[in-house]
Amino acid sequence: MTEAKKTATKAATKTTKKAAPVKATAAAKKTAVADVKLTNATYATGKRKDSVARVYLIPGKGQIIVNNIPMTEYFRRPVLQMIIAQPFGITKRETAYDVHAIVMGGGLSGQAGAVKHGISKALEKIEPDLRKTLKSAGFLTRDSRVVERKHFGRHKARRSTQFSKR
């Protein structure tokens, strides 16, 4: 009789549980950028260190949005904001295009460099005559320096153990 009560209470708890509310997923966040893809956007991928940026350039007023957040809020340091604006400054296109970027991996400095690389590549796709200016400034070259992995028997990648004479 007690086993019957246990199974009855288990069945009752299973039926009374409510489903957890569905949180906003990554797919839902990408819908805003999916709309951008369908319009007349130019796409380019920028990379630096371990960061990868997917950049969409649209003719507009000069707004830069990174991961659905305005650039000034996402990159709060003025140096990082300056890095992202460099391709537009050197080509004198500050208010010509809007930027929608999706950045993943690495730190803020690497992400800013990846967005800059992506913007430069997209600008070169839209206006091929800007290639010479961007190339001479070094904005089309991918910075491939990545942190070296830790090796076995060492404290860090290169740091050796402390030497003991005796």
C-alpha atoms as a PDB file:
ATOM      1  CA  MET A   1       0.000   0.000   0.000  1.00  0.00           C
ATOM      2  CA  THR A   2       2.815   2.398   0.784  1.00  0.00           C
ATOM      3  CA  GLU A   3       4.412   1.723  -2.625  1.00  0.00           C
ATOM      4  CA  ALA A   4       1.137   2.619  -4.311  1.00  0.00           C
ATOM      5  CA  LYS A   5       1.086   5.941  -2.439  1.00  0.00           C
ATOM      6  CA  LYS A   6       4.691   6.658  -3.485  1.00  0.00           C
ATOM      7  CA  THR A   7       3.969   6.014  -7.158  1.00  0.00           C
ATOM      8  CA  ALA A   8       0.805   8.102  -6.941  1.00  0.00           C
ATOM      9  CA  THR A   9       2.705  11.051  -5.450  1.00  0.00           C
ATOM     10  CA  LYS A  10       5.459  10.704  -8.054  1.00  0.00           C
ATOM     11  CA  ALA A  11       2.896  10.766 -10.840  1.00  0.00           C
ATOM     12  CA  ALA A  12       1.212  13.787  -9.264  1.00  0.00           C
ATOM     13  CA  THR A  13       4.508  15.702  -9.033  1.00  0.00           C
ATOM     14  CA  LYS A  14       5.355  14.894 -12.629  1.00  0.00           C
ATOM     15  CA  THR A  15       2.076  16.284 -13.880  1.00  0.00           C
ATOM     16  CA  THR A  16       2.113  19.401 -11.690  1.00  0.00           C
ATOM     17  CA  LYS A  17       5.562  20.614 -12.762  1.00  0.00           C
ATOM     18  CA  LYS A  18       5.455  23.634 -15.016  1.00  0.00           C
ATOM     19  CA  ALA A  19       7.729  24.172 -17.950  1.00  0.00           C
ATOM     20  CA  ALA A  20      10.529  26.666 -17.403  1.00  0.00           C
ATOM     21  CA  PRO A  21      10.162  29.954 -19.272  1.00  0.00           C
ATOM     22  CA  VAL A  22      12.052  30.023 -22.513  1.00  0.00           C
ATOM     23  CA  LYS A  23      14.996  32.412 -22.448  1.00  0.00           C
ATOM     24  CA  ALA A  24      16.225  34.391 -25.434  1.00  0.00           C
ATOM     25  CA  THR A  25      18.593  32.135 -27.327  1.00  0.00           C
ATOM     26  CA  ALA A  26      21.472  32.976 -29.604  1.00  0.00           C
ATOM     27  CA  ALA A  27      19.226  32.251 -32.592  1.00  0.00           C
ATOM     28  CA  ALA A  28      16.732  34.843 -31.407  1.00  0.00           C
ATOM     29  CA  LYS A  29      19.498  37.427 -31.015  1.00  0.00           C
ATOM     30  CA  LYS A  30      20.750  36.763 -34.537  1.00  0.00           C
ATOM     31  CA  THR A  31      17.383  37.622 -36.081  1.00  0.00           C
ATOM     32  CA  ALA A  32      18.211  41.322 -36.017  1.00  0.00           C
ATOM     33  CA  VAL A  33      21.365  40.651 -37.995  1.00  0.00           C
ATOM     34  CA  ALA A  34      19.564  38.161 -40.244  1.00  0.00           C
ATOM     35  CA  ASP A  35      17.406  41.052 -41.451  1.00  0.00           C
ATOM     36  CA  VAL A  36      20.562  42.961 -42.264  1.00  0.00           C
ATOM     37  CA  LYS A  37      21.896  40.052 -44.339  1.00  0.00           C
ATOM     38  CA  LEU A  38      18.824  40.117 -46.556  1.00  0.00           C
ATOM     39  CA  THR A  39      19.183  43.792 -47.452  1.00  0.00           C
ATOM     40  CA  ASN A  40      21.991  45.345 -49.444  1.00  0.00           C
ATOM     41  CA  ALA A  41      24.683  44.605 -46.824  1.00  0.00           C
ATOM     42  CA  THR A  42      28.292  43.769 -47.638  1.00  0.00           C
ATOM     43  CA  TYR A  43      29.750  40.974 -45.502  1.00  0.00           C
ATOM     44  CA  ALA A  44      33.352  40.415 -44.418  1.00  0.00           C
ATOM     45  CA  THR A  45      35.079  38.391 -41.712  1.00  0.00           C
ATOM     46  CA  GLY A  46      37.760  40.016 -39.607  1.00  0.00           C
ATOM     47  CA  LYS A  47      40.184  38.186 -37.330  1.00  0.00           C
ATOM     48  CA  ARG A  48      42.784  39.105 -34.733  1.00  0.00           C
ATOM     49  CA  LYS A  49      44.348  36.869 -32.073  1.00  0.00           C
ATOM     50  CA  ASP A  50      41.548  34.493 -31.008  1.00  0.00           C
ATOM     51  CA  SER A  51      38.720  36.869 -31.956  1.00  0.00           C
ATOM     52  CA  VAL A  52      36.509  36.520 -35.010  1.00  0.00           C
ATOM     53  CA  ALA A  53      34.182  39.291 -36.184  1.00  0.00           C
ATOM     54  CA  ARG A  54      31.405  38.983 -38.749  1.00  0.00           C
ATOM     55  CA  VAL A  55      30.913  42.481 -40.139  1.00  0.00           C
ATOM     56  CA  TYR A  56      27.977  43.742 -42.220  1.00  0.00           C
ATOM     57  CA  LEU A  57      28.365  47.148 -43.907  1.00  0.00           C
ATOM     58  CA  ILE A  58      25.242  49.021 -44.992  1.00  0.00           C
ATOM     59  CA  PRO A  59      24.969  52.501 -46.524  1.00  0.00           C
ATOM     60  CA  GLY A  60      23.842  54.718 -43.646  1.00  0.00           C
ATOM     61  CA  LYS A  61      24.778  57.415 -41.166  1.00  0.00           C
ATOM     62  CA  GLY A  62      27.862  55.994 -39.440  1.00  0.00           C
ATOM     63  CA  GLN A  63      26.301  53.934 -36.630  1.00  0.00           C
ATOM     64  CA  ILE A  64      28.447  51.054 -35.337  1.00  0.00           C
ATOM     65  CA  ILE A  65      26.642  48.255 -33.498  1.00  0.00           C
ATOM     66  CA  VAL A  66      28.587  45.368 -31.957  1.00  0.00           C
ATOM     67  CA  ASN A  67      26.654  42.309 -30.710  1.00  0.00           C
ATOM     68  CA  ASN A  68      23.406  44.352 -30.813  1.00  0.00           C
ATOM     69  CA  ILE A  69      24.937  46.980 -28.486  1.00  0.00           C
ATOM     70  CA  PRO A  70      26.173  50.419 -29.592  1.00  0.00           C
ATOM     71  CA  MET A  71      29.964  50.549 -29.964  1.00  0.00           C
ATOM     72  CA  THR A  72      30.375  53.190 -27.236  1.00  0.00           C
ATOM     73  CA  GLU A  73      28.754  50.862 -24.685  1.00  0.00           C
ATOM     74  CA  TYR A  74      30.433  47.627 -25.827  1.00  0.00           C
ATOM     75  CA  PHE A  75      33.928  49.137 -26.150  1.00  0.00           C
ATOM     76  CA  ARG A  76      34.011  51.692 -23.330  1.00  0.00           C
ATOM     77  CA  ARG A  77      37.718  52.562 -23.680  1.00  0.00           C
ATOM     78  CA  PRO A  78      38.287  55.430 -26.129  1.00  0.00           C
ATOM     79  CA  VAL A  79      41.367  53.688 -27.538  1.00  0.00           C
ATOM     80  CA  LEU A  80      39.278  50.720 -28.685  1.00  0.00           C
ATOM     81  CA  GLN A  81      36.659  53.040 -30.198  1.00  0.00           C
ATOM     82  CA  MET A  82      39.445  54.843 -32.056  1.00  0.00           C
ATOM     83  CA  ILE A  83      40.810  51.524 -33.384  1.00  0.00           C
ATOM     84  CA  ILE A  84      37.416  50.603 -34.827  1.00  0.00           C
ATOM     85  CA  ALA A  85      36.950  54.021 -36.442  1.00  0.00           C
ATOM     86  CA  GLN A  86      40.396  54.034 -38.117  1.00  0.00           C
ATOM     87  CA  PRO A  87      39.369  52.488 -41.484  1.00  0.00           C
ATOM     88  CA  PHE A  88      36.622  55.102 -41.893  1.00  0.00           C
ATOM     89  CA  GLY A  89      38.936  57.949 -40.876  1.00  0.00           C
ATOM     90  CA  ILE A  90      41.719  57.020 -43.272  1.00  0.00           C
ATOM     91  CA  THR A  91      39.299  56.646 -46.203  1.00  0.00           C
ATOM     92  CA  LYS A  92      37.175  59.692 -45.193  1.00  0.00           C
ATOM     93  CA  ARG A  93      33.934  57.668 -44.993  1.00  0.00           C
ATOM     94  CA  GLU A  94      32.946  58.406 -41.342  1.00  0.00           C
ATOM     95  CA  THR A  95      29.229  58.919 -42.014  1.00  0.00           C
ATOM     96  CA  ALA A  96      28.832  56.850 -45.174  1.00  0.00           C
ATOM     97  CA  TYR A  97      28.156  53.374 -43.724  1.00  0.00           C
ATOM     98  CA  ASP A  98      26.464  51.676 -40.780  1.00  0.00           C
ATOM     99  CA  VAL A  99      28.221  48.674 -39.257  1.00  0.00           C
ATOM    100  CA  HIS A 100      26.633  45.619 -37.654  1.00  0.00           C
ATOM    101  CA  ALA A 101      29.253  43.309 -36.158  1.00  0.00           C
ATOM    102  CA  ILE A 102      29.009  39.989 -34.344  1.00  0.00           C
ATOM    103  CA  VAL A 103      32.180  39.278 -32.376  1.00  0.00           C
ATOM    104  CA  MET A 104      33.188  36.089 -30.572  1.00  0.00           C
ATOM    105  CA  GLY A 105      36.290  34.909 -28.740  1.00  0.00           C
ATOM    106  CA  GLY A 106      39.299  36.608 -27.227  1.00  0.00           C
ATOM    107  CA  GLY A 107      39.377  39.818 -25.209  1.00  0.00           C
ATOM    108  CA  LEU A 108      38.215  43.326 -25.950  1.00  0.00           C
ATOM    109  CA  SER A 109      41.470  44.396 -27.626  1.00  0.00           C
ATOM    110  CA  GLY A 110      41.434  41.414 -29.978  1.00  0.00           C
ATOM    111  CA  GLN A 111      37.745  41.934 -30.706  1.00  0.00           C
ATOM    112  CA  ALA A 112      38.323  45.595 -31.583  1.00  0.00           C
ATOM    113  CA  GLY A 113      41.130  44.580 -33.942  1.00  0.00           C
ATOM    114  CA  ALA A 114      38.908  41.922 -35.519  1.00  0.00           C
ATOM    115  CA  VAL A 115      36.118  44.450 -36.133  1.00  0.00           C
ATOM    116  CA  LYS A 116      38.642  46.866 -37.669  1.00  0.00           C
ATOM    117  CA  HIS A 117      39.935  44.108 -39.959  1.00  0.00           C
ATOM    118  CA  GLY A 118      36.377  43.171 -40.979  1.00  0.00           C
ATOM    119  CA  ILE A 119      35.404  46.781 -41.681  1.00  0.00           C
ATOM    120  CA  SER A 120      38.511  47.235 -43.827  1.00  0.00           C
ATOM    121  CA  LYS A 121      37.786  44.101 -45.854  1.00  0.00           C
ATOM    122  CA  ALA A 122      34.139  45.105 -46.348  1.00  0.00           C
ATOM    123  CA  LEU A 123      35.116  48.629 -47.430  1.00  0.00           C
ATOM    124  CA  GLU A 124      37.509  47.111 -49.949  1.00  0.00           C
ATOM    125  CA  LYS A 125      34.710  44.923 -51.313  1.00  0.00           C
ATOM    126  CA  ILE A 126      32.337  47.883 -51.713  1.00  0.00           C
ATOM    127  CA  GLU A 127      34.909  50.292 -53.155  1.00  0.00           C
ATOM    128  CA  PRO A 128      37.886  48.451 -54.697  1.00  0.00           C
ATOM    129  CA  ASP A 129      39.722  51.728 -55.307  1.00  0.00           C
ATOM    130  CA  LEU A 130      40.197  52.064 -51.497  1.00  0.00           C
ATOM    131  CA  ARG A 131      42.406  48.954 -51.453  1.00  0.00           C
ATOM    132  CA  LYS A 132      45.652  50.903 -51.915  1.00  0.00           C
ATOM    133  CA  THR A 133      44.889  53.229 -48.984  1.00  0.00           C
ATOM    134  CA  LEU A 134      43.808  50.408 -46.652  1.00  0.00           C
ATOM    135  CA  LYS A 135      46.692  48.144 -47.658  1.00  0.00           C
ATOM    136  CA  SER A 136      49.339  50.829 -47.125  1.00  0.00           C
ATOM    137  CA  ALA A 137      47.924  51.493 -43.630  1.00  0.00           C
ATOM    138  CA  GLY A 138      48.138  47.739 -42.872  1.00  0.00           C
ATOM    139  CA  PHE A 139      44.423  47.293 -42.204  1.00  0.00           C
ATOM    140  CA  LEU A 140      43.937  44.389 -44.635  1.00  0.00           C
ATOM    141  CA  THR A 141      46.646  42.245 -43.014  1.00  0.00           C
ATOM    142  CA  ARG A 142      45.443  39.752 -40.437  1.00  0.00           C
ATOM    143  CA  ASP A 143      47.358  39.915 -37.137  1.00  0.00           C
ATOM    144  CA  SER A 144      47.949  36.205 -36.579  1.00  0.00           C
ATOM    145  CA  ARG A 145      49.780  36.401 -33.247  1.00  0.00           C
ATOM    146  CA  VAL A 146      48.070  33.968 -30.886  1.00  0.00           C
ATOM    147  CA  VAL A 147      49.060  33.017 -27.333  1.00  0.00           C
ATOM    148  CA  GLU A 148      51.434  30.058 -27.344  1.00  0.00           C
ATOM    149  CA  ARG A 149      50.171  26.955 -25.592  1.00  0.00           C
ATOM    150  CA  LYS A 150      51.564  25.735 -22.275  1.00  0.00           C
ATOM    151  CA  HIS A 151      54.144  22.974 -22.687  1.00  0.00           C
ATOM    152  CA  PHE A 152      54.573  19.895 -20.522  1.00  0.00           C
ATOM    153  CA  GLY A 153      57.158  20.223 -17.729  1.00  0.00           C
ATOM    154  CA  ARG A 154      57.091  24.034 -17.782  1.00  0.00           C
ATOM    155  CA  HIS A 155      55.241  26.561 -15.639  1.00  0.00           C
ATOM    156  CA  LYS A 156      53.922  28.498 -18.629  1.00  0.00           C
ATOM    157  CA  ALA A 157      54.594  28.349 -22.365  1.00  0.00           C
ATOM    158  CA  ARG A 158      58.301  29.177 -21.996  1.00  0.00           C
ATOM    159  CA  ARG A 159      58.833  29.685 -18.245  1.00  0.00           C
ATOM    160  CA  SER A 160      61.043  26.904 -16.924  1.00  0.00           C
ATOM    161  CA  THR A 161      61.206  25.491 -13.420  1.00  0.00           C
ATOM    162  CA  GLN A 162      63.532  27.196 -10.928  1.00  0.00           C
ATOM    163  CA  PHE A 163      67.108  25.934 -11.138  1.00  0.00           C
ATOM    164  CA  SER A 164      68.583  24.437  -7.986  1.00  0.00           C
ATOM    165  CA  LYS A 165      72.359  23.914  -7.879  1.00  0.00           C
ATOM    166  CA  ARG A 166      72.157  21.582  -4.885  1.00  0.00           C
END
